[in-house]
Amino acid sequence: MVRAGKKQEIVAAAIRVLSRDGAAGLTAAGVAAEAGVSKANVFHHFPSLDELAVAAFEAFILSMDALRPDPAAGLRAWLVALGTQTTELMDARRTEAGAYIGFIARAQSDERLRARLEDVMRTFEAALLEALRTMAPAPLAPQRADALATLLLIAGDGLALHRQLFPGRAKKQRAAWMALVDLIAPEEKPP
């Protein structure tokens, strides 16, 4: 009998392997050794290494503290934190982030992988939507809230991709994110 949490332990092991060795290092044997399980156990929980990589990607992006905002902080502070955490994750976990970008690129020609990644993106978008509803100073119309969540997803993906590919442009990336923040939640001027 597999103890509860074994699947999460395998995902955590895959994240460590991806962080250390990148996509090329993601093997069933490597993950099994890292998790202290057999390869059969890995494949019991994940029918393919792609499924495991997507589960690790999901855990990676859903671990962002900004997805659990403090309502007292305010919308603007939350948006700033979202951009900051995105770039910090990309900087701190470059190898892992690069591996995920590789899996995302592969999804263009792999329908099953694309469908699974789309599920992850929907989950992330729903978390953004919930955070927006929590953080907005006044209730947002459902259509506007949904559009803003999608915009944040797209902008965050772009920020992450640019940070991964062009880390030397950090100041421009920060300025661009802050311009988006200013459009959504302008800084209040004292009277």
C-alpha atoms as a PDB file:
ATOM      1  CA  MET A   1       0.000   0.000   0.000  1.00  0.00           C
ATOM      2  CA  VAL A   2       1.351   3.421  -0.975  1.00  0.00           C
ATOM      3  CA  ARG A   3       1.216   5.852   1.940  1.00  0.00           C
ATOM      4  CA  ALA A   4      -0.760   9.072   1.546  1.00  0.00           C
ATOM      5  CA  GLY A   5       1.327  11.845   0.095  1.00  0.00           C
ATOM      6  CA  LYS A   6       3.586   9.613  -1.999  1.00  0.00           C
ATOM      7  CA  LYS A   7       2.403  11.312  -5.180  1.00  0.00           C
ATOM      8  CA  GLN A   8       3.309  14.716  -3.695  1.00  0.00           C
ATOM      9  CA  GLU A   9       6.718  13.364  -2.649  1.00  0.00           C
ATOM     10  CA  ILE A  10       7.351  12.234  -6.228  1.00  0.00           C
ATOM     11  CA  VAL A  11       6.338  15.679  -7.526  1.00  0.00           C
ATOM     12  CA  ALA A  12       8.660  17.332  -4.995  1.00  0.00           C
ATOM     13  CA  ALA A  13      11.476  15.025  -6.102  1.00  0.00           C
ATOM     14  CA  ALA A  14      10.809  15.889  -9.751  1.00  0.00           C
ATOM     15  CA  ILE A  15      11.009  19.594  -8.871  1.00  0.00           C
ATOM     16  CA  ARG A  16      14.386  19.035  -7.189  1.00  0.00           C
ATOM     17  CA  VAL A  17      15.671  17.059 -10.183  1.00  0.00           C
ATOM     18  CA  LEU A  18      14.442  19.710 -12.642  1.00  0.00           C
ATOM     19  CA  SER A  19      15.993  22.463 -10.521  1.00  0.00           C
ATOM     20  CA  ARG A  20      19.328  20.694 -10.357  1.00  0.00           C
ATOM     21  CA  ASP A  21      19.562  18.964 -13.744  1.00  0.00           C
ATOM     22  CA  GLY A  22      17.015  20.621 -16.053  1.00  0.00           C
ATOM     23  CA  ALA A  23      14.752  18.793 -18.479  1.00  0.00           C
ATOM     24  CA  ALA A  24      17.546  16.489 -19.670  1.00  0.00           C
ATOM     25  CA  GLY A  25      17.943  15.177 -16.126  1.00  0.00           C
ATOM     26  CA  LEU A  26      14.288  14.285 -15.691  1.00  0.00           C
ATOM     27  CA  THR A  27      14.376  10.505 -15.874  1.00  0.00           C
ATOM     28  CA  ALA A  28      12.238   7.945 -14.105  1.00  0.00           C
ATOM     29  CA  ALA A  29      15.352   6.493 -12.465  1.00  0.00           C
ATOM     30  CA  GLY A  30      16.526   9.919 -11.304  1.00  0.00           C
ATOM     31  CA  VAL A  31      13.160  10.894  -9.857  1.00  0.00           C
ATOM     32  CA  ALA A  32      12.714   7.484  -8.233  1.00  0.00           C
ATOM     33  CA  ALA A  33      16.128   7.726  -6.568  1.00  0.00           C
ATOM     34  CA  GLU A  34      15.435  11.293  -5.415  1.00  0.00           C
ATOM     35  CA  ALA A  35      12.039  10.295  -3.980  1.00  0.00           C
ATOM     36  CA  GLY A  36      13.241   7.007  -2.495  1.00  0.00           C
ATOM     37  CA  VAL A  37      10.735   4.941  -4.498  1.00  0.00           C
ATOM     38  CA  SER A  38      10.874   2.505  -7.378  1.00  0.00           C
ATOM     39  CA  LYS A  39      10.466   3.502 -11.028  1.00  0.00           C
ATOM     40  CA  ALA A  40       7.281   1.420 -11.016  1.00  0.00           C
ATOM     41  CA  ASN A  41       5.951   3.614  -8.225  1.00  0.00           C
ATOM     42  CA  VAL A  42       6.703   6.751 -10.277  1.00  0.00           C
ATOM     43  CA  PHE A  43       4.770   5.325 -13.223  1.00  0.00           C
ATOM     44  CA  HIS A  44       1.978   4.135 -10.952  1.00  0.00           C
ATOM     45  CA  HIS A  45       1.229   7.781 -10.160  1.00  0.00           C
ATOM     46  CA  PHE A  46       2.219   9.334 -13.503  1.00  0.00           C
ATOM     47  CA  PRO A  47       1.652   7.519 -16.813  1.00  0.00           C
ATOM     48  CA  SER A  48       4.526   9.437 -18.423  1.00  0.00           C
ATOM     49  CA  LEU A  49       7.407  11.701 -17.522  1.00  0.00           C
ATOM     50  CA  ASP A  50       5.565  14.519 -19.301  1.00  0.00           C
ATOM     51  CA  GLU A  51       2.654  14.104 -16.863  1.00  0.00           C
ATOM     52  CA  LEU A  52       5.109  14.260 -13.982  1.00  0.00           C
ATOM     53  CA  ALA A  53       6.779  17.367 -15.427  1.00  0.00           C
ATOM     54  CA  VAL A  54       3.392  19.084 -15.792  1.00  0.00           C
ATOM     55  CA  ALA A  55       2.473  18.180 -12.202  1.00  0.00           C
ATOM     56  CA  ALA A  56       5.795  19.683 -11.092  1.00  0.00           C
ATOM     57  CA  PHE A  57       5.101  22.793 -13.202  1.00  0.00           C
ATOM     58  CA  GLU A  58       1.686  23.132 -11.581  1.00  0.00           C
ATOM     59  CA  ALA A  59       3.198  22.869  -8.103  1.00  0.00           C
ATOM     60  CA  PHE A  60       5.881  25.389  -9.138  1.00  0.00           C
ATOM     61  CA  ILE A  61       3.476  28.122 -10.246  1.00  0.00           C
ATOM     62  CA  LEU A  62       0.775  27.468  -7.666  1.00  0.00           C
ATOM     63  CA  SER A  63       3.345  27.765  -4.866  1.00  0.00           C
ATOM     64  CA  MET A  64       3.517  31.529  -5.372  1.00  0.00           C
ATOM     65  CA  ASP A  65       2.577  33.330  -2.165  1.00  0.00           C
ATOM     66  CA  ALA A  66       0.900  36.034  -4.268  1.00  0.00           C
ATOM     67  CA  LEU A  67      -1.872  33.555  -5.052  1.00  0.00           C
ATOM     68  CA  ARG A  68      -2.845  33.723  -1.373  1.00  0.00           C
ATOM     69  CA  PRO A  69      -2.939  37.493  -0.899  1.00  0.00           C
ATOM     70  CA  ASP A  70      -3.563  39.415   2.285  1.00  0.00           C
ATOM     71  CA  PRO A  71      -6.699  41.512   1.640  1.00  0.00           C
ATOM     72  CA  ALA A  72      -5.327  44.238   3.904  1.00  0.00           C
ATOM     73  CA  ALA A  73      -2.396  44.787   1.523  1.00  0.00           C
ATOM     74  CA  GLY A  74      -4.544  46.211  -1.266  1.00  0.00           C
ATOM     75  CA  LEU A  75      -4.818  45.557  -4.993  1.00  0.00           C
ATOM     76  CA  ARG A  76      -1.774  47.579  -6.029  1.00  0.00           C
ATOM     77  CA  ALA A  77       0.508  45.926  -3.466  1.00  0.00           C
ATOM     78  CA  TRP A  78      -0.741  42.508  -4.569  1.00  0.00           C
ATOM     79  CA  LEU A  79      -0.060  43.259  -8.246  1.00  0.00           C
ATOM     80  CA  VAL A  80       3.453  44.492  -7.428  1.00  0.00           C
ATOM     81  CA  ALA A  81       4.054  41.334  -5.365  1.00  0.00           C
ATOM     82  CA  LEU A  82       2.822  39.141  -8.222  1.00  0.00           C
ATOM     83  CA  GLY A  83       5.360  40.639 -10.623  1.00  0.00           C
ATOM     84  CA  THR A  84       8.133  40.566  -8.044  1.00  0.00           C
ATOM     85  CA  GLN A  85       7.511  36.929  -7.149  1.00  0.00           C
ATOM     86  CA  THR A  86       7.380  35.942 -10.808  1.00  0.00           C
ATOM     87  CA  THR A  87      10.804  37.436 -11.496  1.00  0.00           C
ATOM     88  CA  GLU A  88      12.255  36.144  -8.228  1.00  0.00           C
ATOM     89  CA  LEU A  89      11.120  32.605  -9.081  1.00  0.00           C
ATOM     90  CA  MET A  90      12.649  32.876 -12.535  1.00  0.00           C
ATOM     91  CA  ASP A  91      15.920  34.196 -11.095  1.00  0.00           C
ATOM     92  CA  ALA A  92      16.182  31.736  -8.215  1.00  0.00           C
ATOM     93  CA  ARG A  93      15.129  28.635 -10.161  1.00  0.00           C
ATOM     94  CA  ARG A  94      16.499  29.296 -13.651  1.00  0.00           C
ATOM     95  CA  THR A  95      17.252  25.679 -14.560  1.00  0.00           C
ATOM     96  CA  GLU A  96      13.821  24.480 -13.475  1.00  0.00           C
ATOM     97  CA  ALA A  97      12.084  27.420 -15.152  1.00  0.00           C
ATOM     98  CA  GLY A  98      13.974  26.749 -18.366  1.00  0.00           C
ATOM     99  CA  ALA A  99      12.883  23.121 -18.269  1.00  0.00           C
ATOM    100  CA  TYR A 100       9.252  24.173 -17.993  1.00  0.00           C
ATOM    101  CA  ILE A 101       9.597  26.554 -20.911  1.00  0.00           C
ATOM    102  CA  GLY A 102      10.946  23.613 -22.906  1.00  0.00           C
ATOM    103  CA  PHE A 103       7.926  21.495 -21.987  1.00  0.00           C
ATOM    104  CA  ILE A 104       5.617  24.353 -22.926  1.00  0.00           C
ATOM    105  CA  ALA A 105       7.326  24.664 -26.315  1.00  0.00           C
ATOM    106  CA  ARG A 106       6.955  20.911 -26.854  1.00  0.00           C
ATOM    107  CA  ALA A 107       3.237  21.184 -26.191  1.00  0.00           C
ATOM    108  CA  GLN A 108       2.787  22.921 -29.549  1.00  0.00           C
ATOM    109  CA  SER A 109       3.131  19.557 -31.267  1.00  0.00           C
ATOM    110  CA  ASP A 110       1.815  17.276 -28.519  1.00  0.00           C
ATOM    111  CA  GLU A 111      -1.974  17.554 -28.158  1.00  0.00           C
ATOM    112  CA  ARG A 112      -2.136  15.581 -24.900  1.00  0.00           C
ATOM    113  CA  LEU A 113       0.610  17.621 -23.282  1.00  0.00           C
ATOM    114  CA  ARG A 114      -1.027  20.854 -24.482  1.00  0.00           C
ATOM    115  CA  ALA A 115      -4.386  19.817 -23.008  1.00  0.00           C
ATOM    116  CA  ARG A 116      -2.767  19.037 -19.663  1.00  0.00           C
ATOM    117  CA  LEU A 117      -0.894  22.368 -19.644  1.00  0.00           C
ATOM    118  CA  GLU A 118      -4.141  24.131 -20.516  1.00  0.00           C
ATOM    119  CA  ASP A 119      -5.696  22.580 -17.401  1.00  0.00           C
ATOM    120  CA  VAL A 120      -2.818  23.960 -15.336  1.00  0.00           C
ATOM    121  CA  MET A 121      -3.250  27.405 -16.874  1.00  0.00           C
ATOM    122  CA  ARG A 122      -6.985  27.339 -16.120  1.00  0.00           C
ATOM    123  CA  THR A 123      -6.197  26.499 -12.498  1.00  0.00           C
ATOM    124  CA  PHE A 124      -3.680  29.343 -12.315  1.00  0.00           C
ATOM    125  CA  GLU A 125      -6.111  31.746 -14.003  1.00  0.00           C
ATOM    126  CA  ALA A 126      -8.837  30.766 -11.521  1.00  0.00           C
ATOM    127  CA  ALA A 127      -6.429  31.475  -8.651  1.00  0.00           C
ATOM    128  CA  LEU A 128      -5.668  34.893 -10.160  1.00  0.00           C
ATOM    129  CA  LEU A 129      -9.388  35.572 -10.546  1.00  0.00           C
ATOM    130  CA  GLU A 130     -10.065  34.664  -6.924  1.00  0.00           C
ATOM    131  CA  ALA A 131      -7.192  36.861  -5.770  1.00  0.00           C
ATOM    132  CA  LEU A 132      -8.505  39.762  -7.874  1.00  0.00           C
ATOM    133  CA  ARG A 133     -11.954  39.402  -6.357  1.00  0.00           C
ATOM    134  CA  THR A 134     -10.394  39.358  -2.900  1.00  0.00           C
ATOM    135  CA  MET A 135      -8.089  42.320  -3.521  1.00  0.00           C
ATOM    136  CA  ALA A 136     -10.258  44.684  -5.576  1.00  0.00           C
ATOM    137  CA  PRO A 137     -11.339  47.702  -3.523  1.00  0.00           C
ATOM    138  CA  ALA A 138     -14.840  47.466  -5.029  1.00  0.00           C
ATOM    139  CA  PRO A 139     -16.641  44.517  -6.595  1.00  0.00           C
ATOM    140  CA  LEU A 140     -15.604  43.926 -10.196  1.00  0.00           C
ATOM    141  CA  ALA A 141     -18.127  43.015 -12.855  1.00  0.00           C
ATOM    142  CA  PRO A 142     -17.670  39.305 -13.610  1.00  0.00           C
ATOM    143  CA  GLN A 143     -16.650  39.899 -17.232  1.00  0.00           C
ATOM    144  CA  ARG A 144     -14.099  42.562 -16.229  1.00  0.00           C
ATOM    145  CA  ALA A 145     -12.655  40.392 -13.457  1.00  0.00           C
ATOM    146  CA  ASP A 146     -12.316  37.472 -15.865  1.00  0.00           C
ATOM    147  CA  ALA A 147     -10.625  39.672 -18.486  1.00  0.00           C
ATOM    148  CA  LEU A 148      -8.207  41.081 -15.895  1.00  0.00           C
ATOM    149  CA  ALA A 149      -7.310  37.591 -14.670  1.00  0.00           C
ATOM    150  CA  THR A 150      -6.575  36.543 -18.246  1.00  0.00           C
ATOM    151  CA  LEU A 151      -4.526  39.698 -18.819  1.00  0.00           C
ATOM    152  CA  LEU A 152      -2.486  39.006 -15.677  1.00  0.00           C
ATOM    153  CA  LEU A 153      -1.923  35.418 -16.794  1.00  0.00           C
ATOM    154  CA  ILE A 154      -0.715  36.527 -20.225  1.00  0.00           C
ATOM    155  CA  ALA A 155       1.417  39.367 -18.856  1.00  0.00           C
ATOM    156  CA  GLY A 156       2.876  37.134 -16.134  1.00  0.00           C
ATOM    157  CA  ASP A 157       3.763  34.457 -18.692  1.00  0.00           C
ATOM    158  CA  GLY A 158       5.420  37.106 -20.838  1.00  0.00           C
ATOM    159  CA  LEU A 159       7.306  38.493 -17.855  1.00  0.00           C
ATOM    160  CA  ALA A 160       8.512  35.014 -16.886  1.00  0.00           C
ATOM    161  CA  LEU A 161       9.589  34.183 -20.437  1.00  0.00           C
ATOM    162  CA  HIS A 162      11.449  37.468 -20.889  1.00  0.00           C
ATOM    163  CA  ARG A 163      13.134  37.122 -17.508  1.00  0.00           C
ATOM    164  CA  GLN A 164      14.296  33.622 -18.436  1.00  0.00           C
ATOM    165  CA  LEU A 165      15.588  34.647 -21.864  1.00  0.00           C
ATOM    166  CA  PHE A 166      16.781  38.193 -21.130  1.00  0.00           C
ATOM    167  CA  PRO A 167      17.791  38.506 -17.467  1.00  0.00           C
ATOM    168  CA  GLY A 168      19.923  41.534 -18.295  1.00  0.00           C
ATOM    169  CA  ARG A 169      16.762  43.503 -19.090  1.00  0.00           C
ATOM    170  CA  ALA A 170      15.467  43.319 -15.510  1.00  0.00           C
ATOM    171  CA  LYS A 171      14.972  47.094 -15.194  1.00  0.00           C
ATOM    172  CA  LYS A 172      12.877  47.268 -18.375  1.00  0.00           C
ATOM    173  CA  GLN A 173      10.860  44.239 -17.313  1.00  0.00           C
ATOM    174  CA  ARG A 174      10.148  45.793 -13.915  1.00  0.00           C
ATOM    175  CA  ALA A 175       9.178  49.102 -15.538  1.00  0.00           C
ATOM    176  CA  ALA A 176       6.820  47.325 -17.935  1.00  0.00           C
ATOM    177  CA  TRP A 177       5.168  45.367 -15.105  1.00  0.00           C
ATOM    178  CA  MET A 178       4.791  48.564 -13.093  1.00  0.00           C
ATOM    179  CA  ALA A 179       3.142  50.268 -16.106  1.00  0.00           C
ATOM    180  CA  LEU A 180       0.586  47.442 -16.120  1.00  0.00           C
ATOM    181  CA  VAL A 181       0.099  47.841 -12.366  1.00  0.00           C
ATOM    182  CA  ASP A 182      -0.460  51.591 -12.878  1.00  0.00           C
ATOM    183  CA  LEU A 183      -3.142  50.881 -15.478  1.00  0.00           C
ATOM    184  CA  ILE A 184      -5.005  48.432 -13.266  1.00  0.00           C
ATOM    185  CA  ALA A 185      -4.484  50.054  -9.854  1.00  0.00           C
ATOM    186  CA  PRO A 186      -3.138  53.609 -10.123  1.00  0.00           C
ATOM    187  CA  GLU A 187      -1.180  54.896  -7.172  1.00  0.00           C
ATOM    188  CA  GLU A 188      -3.375  57.082  -5.008  1.00  0.00           C
ATOM    189  CA  LYS A 189      -2.166  60.670  -4.813  1.00  0.00           C
ATOM    190  CA  PRO A 190      -2.470  62.406  -1.440  1.00  0.00           C
ATOM    191  CA  PRO A 191      -5.050  65.230  -1.449  1.00  0.00           C
END
